[in-house]
Amino acid sequence: MRHNQSFLKIASVCSILTAATTFLLWLLPNLYSQPANFEEAVLLHQNDYYMARQWVNFIHIPLCLTAYFGLAIILYQREAALPVMGMVWFTIWGAIEMIGVSIIIFSVNFNWRSSYALADQANKTLLQNNIESFYSIWDSLFFVLLVAFLLGTLFFAWATWRSKGIGKILSYLLWLAVPLTILIILSNYAAQAWAGQVTKYLYPVLQPVSRCLLGVFIWQSIKAAPNTNSEMAAKRVGVDT
């Protein structure tokens, strides 16, 4: 139990940090103009705000996974199936996103885009094909990523539904994140511009608040947990006397 408490404290702090990284993931793209064509996009590796967003995203994922694993540990004591399924789907989400973001940082930006300006025409064509092919594949992987995030959120919302107090509020926020993720899917893959407008205003409020509350919930669960080692010591003292 003592080791669990130490990890849960880390998970709680990680969750609070994800509130900040989530907000930055929304804020940073608003600090630079989105490229209108390939020639503008190929210069993104020189944009500090764009590259900062990629690194924030990379850091964001392990922080989130640590926080969600902390939540899974707490909920597992009540019911195993739902938090385990939630963690499985979030692990899939995290693995896909970490791999994708790593490719974007190192292959797309530090290699292909940075080499494009000095390349001859034949190599420029090759580099452009590499970049465009990756983003075509990434669009498909991002759909899987969103579905995995949707299912992970759904299972954790379900698992926290019987909670009280802050846990109940957290459950409501997780349930709200389910339709929010559906709106993101509709915006990106069903050409529903209205869905994108809704998520534009909801995401920077709902997700940071939800993850901040998750950190508080985990921390409160630590304080509410019985000190197993102390109880066992007390029992031994009682038997010895």
Protein backbone atom coordinates (compact mmCIF):
# COMPACT_ATOMS: atom_id res chain seq x y z
CA MET A 1 0.00 0.00 0.00
CA ARG A 2 2.87 2.37 0.83
CA HIS A 3 4.35 1.93 -2.66
CA ASN A 4 0.92 2.53 -4.20
CA GLN A 5 0.58 5.75 -2.23
CA SER A 6 3.95 6.99 -3.47
CA PHE A 7 2.98 6.25 -7.06
CA LEU A 8 -0.46 7.81 -6.63
CA LYS A 9 1.13 11.02 -5.39
CA ILE A 10 3.20 11.10 -8.58
CA ALA A 11 0.08 10.33 -10.63
CA SER A 12 -1.79 13.17 -8.94
CA VAL A 13 0.98 15.67 -9.72
CA CYS A 14 1.17 14.38 -13.31
CA SER A 15 -2.56 14.93 -13.71
CA ILE A 16 -2.26 18.54 -12.52
CA LEU A 17 0.59 19.05 -14.99
CA THR A 18 -1.54 17.68 -17.83
CA ALA A 19 -4.04 20.45 -17.16
CA ALA A 20 -1.26 22.89 -18.12
CA THR A 21 -0.02 20.86 -21.10
CA THR A 22 -3.59 20.42 -22.40
CA PHE A 23 -4.11 24.18 -22.32
CA LEU A 24 -0.78 24.74 -24.09
CA LEU A 25 -1.77 22.26 -26.81
CA TRP A 26 -4.76 24.48 -27.48
CA LEU A 27 -2.93 27.80 -27.06
CA LEU A 28 0.28 27.28 -29.06
CA PRO A 29 -1.38 26.68 -32.48
CA ASN A 30 -3.15 30.02 -32.04
CA LEU A 31 0.21 31.81 -31.81
CA TYR A 32 1.25 31.11 -35.40
CA SER A 33 -0.48 31.19 -38.79
CA GLN A 34 -1.50 27.86 -40.23
CA PRO A 35 0.29 27.12 -43.52
CA ALA A 36 -1.78 27.62 -46.65
CA ASN A 37 0.30 25.33 -48.88
CA PHE A 38 3.21 22.92 -48.88
CA GLU A 39 5.84 25.61 -49.35
CA GLU A 40 4.66 27.33 -46.15
CA ALA A 41 4.29 24.05 -44.28
CA VAL A 42 7.87 23.03 -45.08
CA LEU A 43 9.09 26.04 -43.07
CA LEU A 44 7.29 25.00 -39.88
CA HIS A 45 10.46 23.45 -38.46
CA GLN A 46 11.73 27.04 -38.06
CA ASN A 47 8.66 28.11 -36.07
CA ASP A 48 9.36 28.05 -32.33
CA TYR A 49 5.67 27.92 -31.36
CA TYR A 50 5.02 25.00 -33.70
CA MET A 51 8.01 23.01 -32.45
CA ALA A 52 7.14 23.86 -28.83
CA ARG A 53 3.69 22.38 -29.43
CA GLN A 54 5.22 19.13 -30.68
CA TRP A 55 7.47 18.81 -27.63
CA VAL A 56 4.63 19.71 -25.25
CA ASN A 57 2.53 17.03 -26.92
CA PHE A 58 5.30 14.46 -26.50
CA ILE A 59 5.66 15.28 -22.78
CA HIS A 60 1.88 15.41 -22.36
CA ILE A 61 1.34 11.75 -23.24
CA PRO A 62 3.41 10.01 -20.49
CA LEU A 63 2.02 12.49 -17.96
CA CYS A 64 -1.51 11.55 -18.98
CA LEU A 65 -0.81 7.82 -18.96
CA THR A 66 0.68 8.06 -15.46
CA ALA A 67 -2.39 9.95 -14.23
CA TYR A 68 -4.81 7.52 -15.85
CA PHE A 69 -2.91 4.54 -14.44
CA GLY A 70 -3.21 6.10 -11.00
CA LEU A 71 -6.96 6.39 -11.53
CA ALA A 72 -7.08 2.77 -12.71
CA ILE A 73 -5.33 1.61 -9.51
CA ILE A 74 -7.91 3.38 -7.36
CA LEU A 75 -10.90 2.14 -9.35
CA TYR A 76 -9.54 -1.41 -9.64
CA GLN A 77 -10.23 -1.92 -5.94
CA ARG A 78 -13.93 -1.37 -6.63
CA GLU A 79 -14.38 -3.13 -9.97
CA ALA A 80 -11.63 -4.55 -12.16
CA ALA A 81 -13.10 -4.81 -15.66
CA LEU A 82 -13.96 -1.19 -16.41
CA PRO A 83 -10.70 0.49 -15.32
CA VAL A 84 -8.64 -2.25 -16.97
CA MET A 85 -10.46 -1.74 -20.28
CA GLY A 86 -10.12 2.02 -19.89
CA MET A 87 -6.38 1.71 -19.33
CA VAL A 88 -5.97 -0.65 -22.30
CA TRP A 89 -7.58 1.88 -24.65
CA PHE A 90 -5.63 4.80 -23.20
CA THR A 91 -2.41 2.80 -23.63
CA ILE A 92 -3.26 2.31 -27.31
CA TRP A 93 -3.96 6.05 -27.58
CA GLY A 94 -0.69 6.95 -25.89
CA ALA A 95 1.43 4.52 -27.92
CA ILE A 96 0.07 5.74 -31.25
CA GLU A 97 0.43 9.40 -30.34
CA MET A 98 3.96 9.10 -28.94
CA ILE A 99 5.13 7.27 -32.07
CA GLY A 100 3.38 9.75 -34.37
CA VAL A 101 4.69 12.83 -32.56
CA SER A 102 8.22 11.38 -32.50
CA ILE A 103 8.10 10.92 -36.28
CA ILE A 104 6.79 14.48 -36.70
CA ILE A 105 9.58 15.94 -34.56
CA PHE A 106 12.55 13.99 -35.88
CA SER A 107 11.73 12.62 -39.34
CA VAL A 108 9.34 15.26 -40.70
CA ASN A 109 10.89 18.39 -39.16
CA PHE A 110 14.52 17.73 -38.16
CA ASN A 111 15.19 15.66 -41.28
CA TRP A 112 12.86 16.13 -44.25
CA ARG A 113 11.72 19.74 -43.81
CA SER A 114 15.11 21.02 -42.69
CA SER A 115 16.76 19.37 -45.74
CA TYR A 116 14.20 20.61 -48.25
CA ALA A 117 15.60 24.13 -48.90
CA LEU A 118 19.10 22.89 -49.84
CA ALA A 119 17.96 19.84 -51.83
CA ASP A 120 18.01 19.64 -55.63
CA GLN A 121 14.72 19.28 -57.49
CA ALA A 122 14.77 15.49 -57.55
CA ASN A 123 15.38 15.29 -53.79
CA LYS A 124 12.77 18.00 -53.15
CA THR A 125 10.22 15.83 -54.92
CA LEU A 126 11.31 12.84 -52.84
CA LEU A 127 11.14 14.81 -49.58
CA GLN A 128 7.71 16.19 -50.47
CA ASN A 129 6.47 12.67 -51.21
CA ASN A 130 7.84 11.49 -47.85
CA ILE A 131 6.11 14.28 -45.94
CA GLU A 132 2.79 13.98 -47.75
CA SER A 133 2.80 10.17 -47.50
CA PHE A 134 3.43 10.32 -43.76
CA TYR A 135 0.59 12.76 -43.15
CA SER A 136 -1.74 10.62 -45.25
CA ILE A 137 -0.93 7.62 -43.03
CA TRP A 138 -1.03 9.80 -39.90
CA ASP A 139 -4.60 10.86 -40.71
CA SER A 140 -5.65 7.21 -40.55
CA LEU A 141 -3.69 6.55 -37.36
CA PHE A 142 -5.11 9.70 -35.78
CA PHE A 143 -8.61 8.30 -36.34
CA VAL A 144 -7.64 5.13 -34.43
CA LEU A 145 -6.08 7.35 -31.77
CA LEU A 146 -9.31 9.32 -31.34
CA VAL A 147 -11.42 6.15 -31.15
CA ALA A 148 -9.05 4.72 -28.52
CA PHE A 149 -9.27 7.95 -26.52
CA LEU A 150 -13.06 7.90 -26.84
CA LEU A 151 -13.31 4.33 -25.52
CA GLY A 152 -10.80 4.93 -22.73
CA THR A 153 -12.76 7.97 -21.58
CA LEU A 154 -16.03 6.05 -21.83
CA PHE A 155 -14.82 3.18 -19.63
CA PHE A 156 -13.36 5.51 -17.00
CA ALA A 157 -16.53 7.61 -16.98
CA TRP A 158 -18.51 4.43 -16.41
CA ALA A 159 -16.10 3.22 -13.72
CA THR A 160 -16.33 6.49 -11.74
CA TRP A 161 -20.10 6.80 -12.02
CA ARG A 162 -20.78 5.38 -8.54
CA SER A 163 -18.31 7.75 -6.90
CA LYS A 164 -19.38 10.55 -4.60
CA GLY A 165 -18.23 14.12 -4.15
CA ILE A 166 -15.31 15.07 -6.38
CA GLY A 167 -15.36 11.60 -7.93
CA LYS A 168 -18.93 12.15 -9.12
CA ILE A 169 -18.03 15.52 -10.65
CA LEU A 170 -15.06 13.86 -12.34
CA SER A 171 -17.41 11.25 -13.75
CA TYR A 172 -19.66 13.96 -15.22
CA LEU A 173 -16.64 15.62 -16.85
CA LEU A 174 -15.47 12.32 -18.30
CA TRP A 175 -18.93 11.69 -19.71
CA LEU A 176 -18.86 15.15 -21.30
CA ALA A 177 -15.49 14.33 -22.88
CA VAL A 178 -17.13 11.46 -24.78
CA PRO A 179 -19.35 13.65 -27.03
CA LEU A 180 -16.50 16.18 -27.23
CA THR A 181 -14.28 13.48 -28.77
CA ILE A 182 -17.08 12.53 -31.15
CA LEU A 183 -17.29 16.17 -32.24
CA ILE A 184 -13.53 16.16 -32.92
CA ILE A 185 -13.99 13.04 -35.07
CA LEU A 186 -16.88 14.66 -36.95
CA SER A 187 -14.84 17.80 -37.51
CA ASN A 188 -11.75 16.00 -38.79
CA TYR A 189 -13.28 13.08 -40.69
CA ALA A 190 -16.85 14.02 -41.62
CA ALA A 191 -16.23 17.63 -42.77
CA GLN A 192 -18.58 19.02 -40.11
CA ALA A 193 -17.28 22.55 -39.61
CA TRP A 194 -19.83 23.28 -36.87
CA ALA A 195 -18.36 20.47 -34.75
CA GLY A 196 -14.94 22.07 -35.00
CA GLN A 197 -16.34 25.40 -33.84
CA VAL A 198 -17.93 23.76 -30.79
CA THR A 199 -14.74 21.94 -29.80
CA LYS A 200 -12.75 25.13 -30.32
CA TYR A 201 -14.52 26.68 -27.32
CA LEU A 202 -15.22 23.61 -25.18
CA TYR A 203 -11.87 21.79 -25.33
CA PRO A 204 -9.66 24.46 -23.64
CA VAL A 205 -12.11 24.60 -20.73
CA LEU A 206 -13.38 21.05 -20.26
CA GLN A 207 -10.17 19.06 -20.62
CA PRO A 208 -7.86 21.13 -18.36
CA VAL A 209 -10.55 21.33 -15.65
CA SER A 210 -11.20 17.57 -15.92
CA ARG A 211 -7.51 16.68 -15.58
CA CYS A 212 -6.98 19.09 -12.73
CA LEU A 213 -9.94 17.54 -10.91
CA LEU A 214 -8.54 14.08 -11.63
CA GLY A 215 -5.36 15.08 -9.81
CA VAL A 216 -7.40 16.26 -6.81
CA PHE A 217 -9.46 13.05 -6.85
CA ILE A 218 -6.33 10.87 -6.84
CA TRP A 219 -4.80 12.89 -4.00
CA GLN A 220 -7.97 12.67 -1.92
CA SER A 221 -8.10 8.92 -2.52
CA ILE A 222 -4.61 8.64 -1.03
CA LYS A 223 -5.68 10.49 2.12
CA ALA A 224 -8.85 8.41 2.40
CA ALA A 225 -7.04 5.08 2.04
CA PRO A 226 -6.37 3.20 5.28
CA ASN A 227 -2.77 2.85 6.39
CA THR A 228 -2.50 -0.90 5.88
CA ASN A 229 0.95 -1.23 7.44
CA SER A 230 -0.13 0.60 10.61
CA GLU A 231 -3.26 -1.54 10.91
CA MET A 232 -1.25 -4.74 10.56
CA ALA A 233 1.25 -3.54 13.19
CA ALA A 234 -1.61 -2.69 15.54
CA LYS A 235 -3.07 -6.16 15.09
CA ARG A 236 0.26 -7.78 15.86
CA VAL A 237 0.59 -5.68 19.02
CA GLY A 238 -2.89 -6.72 20.02
CA VAL A 239 -2.05 -10.38 19.54
CA ASP A 240 1.25 -10.10 21.42
CA THR A 241 -0.36 -8.48 24.45
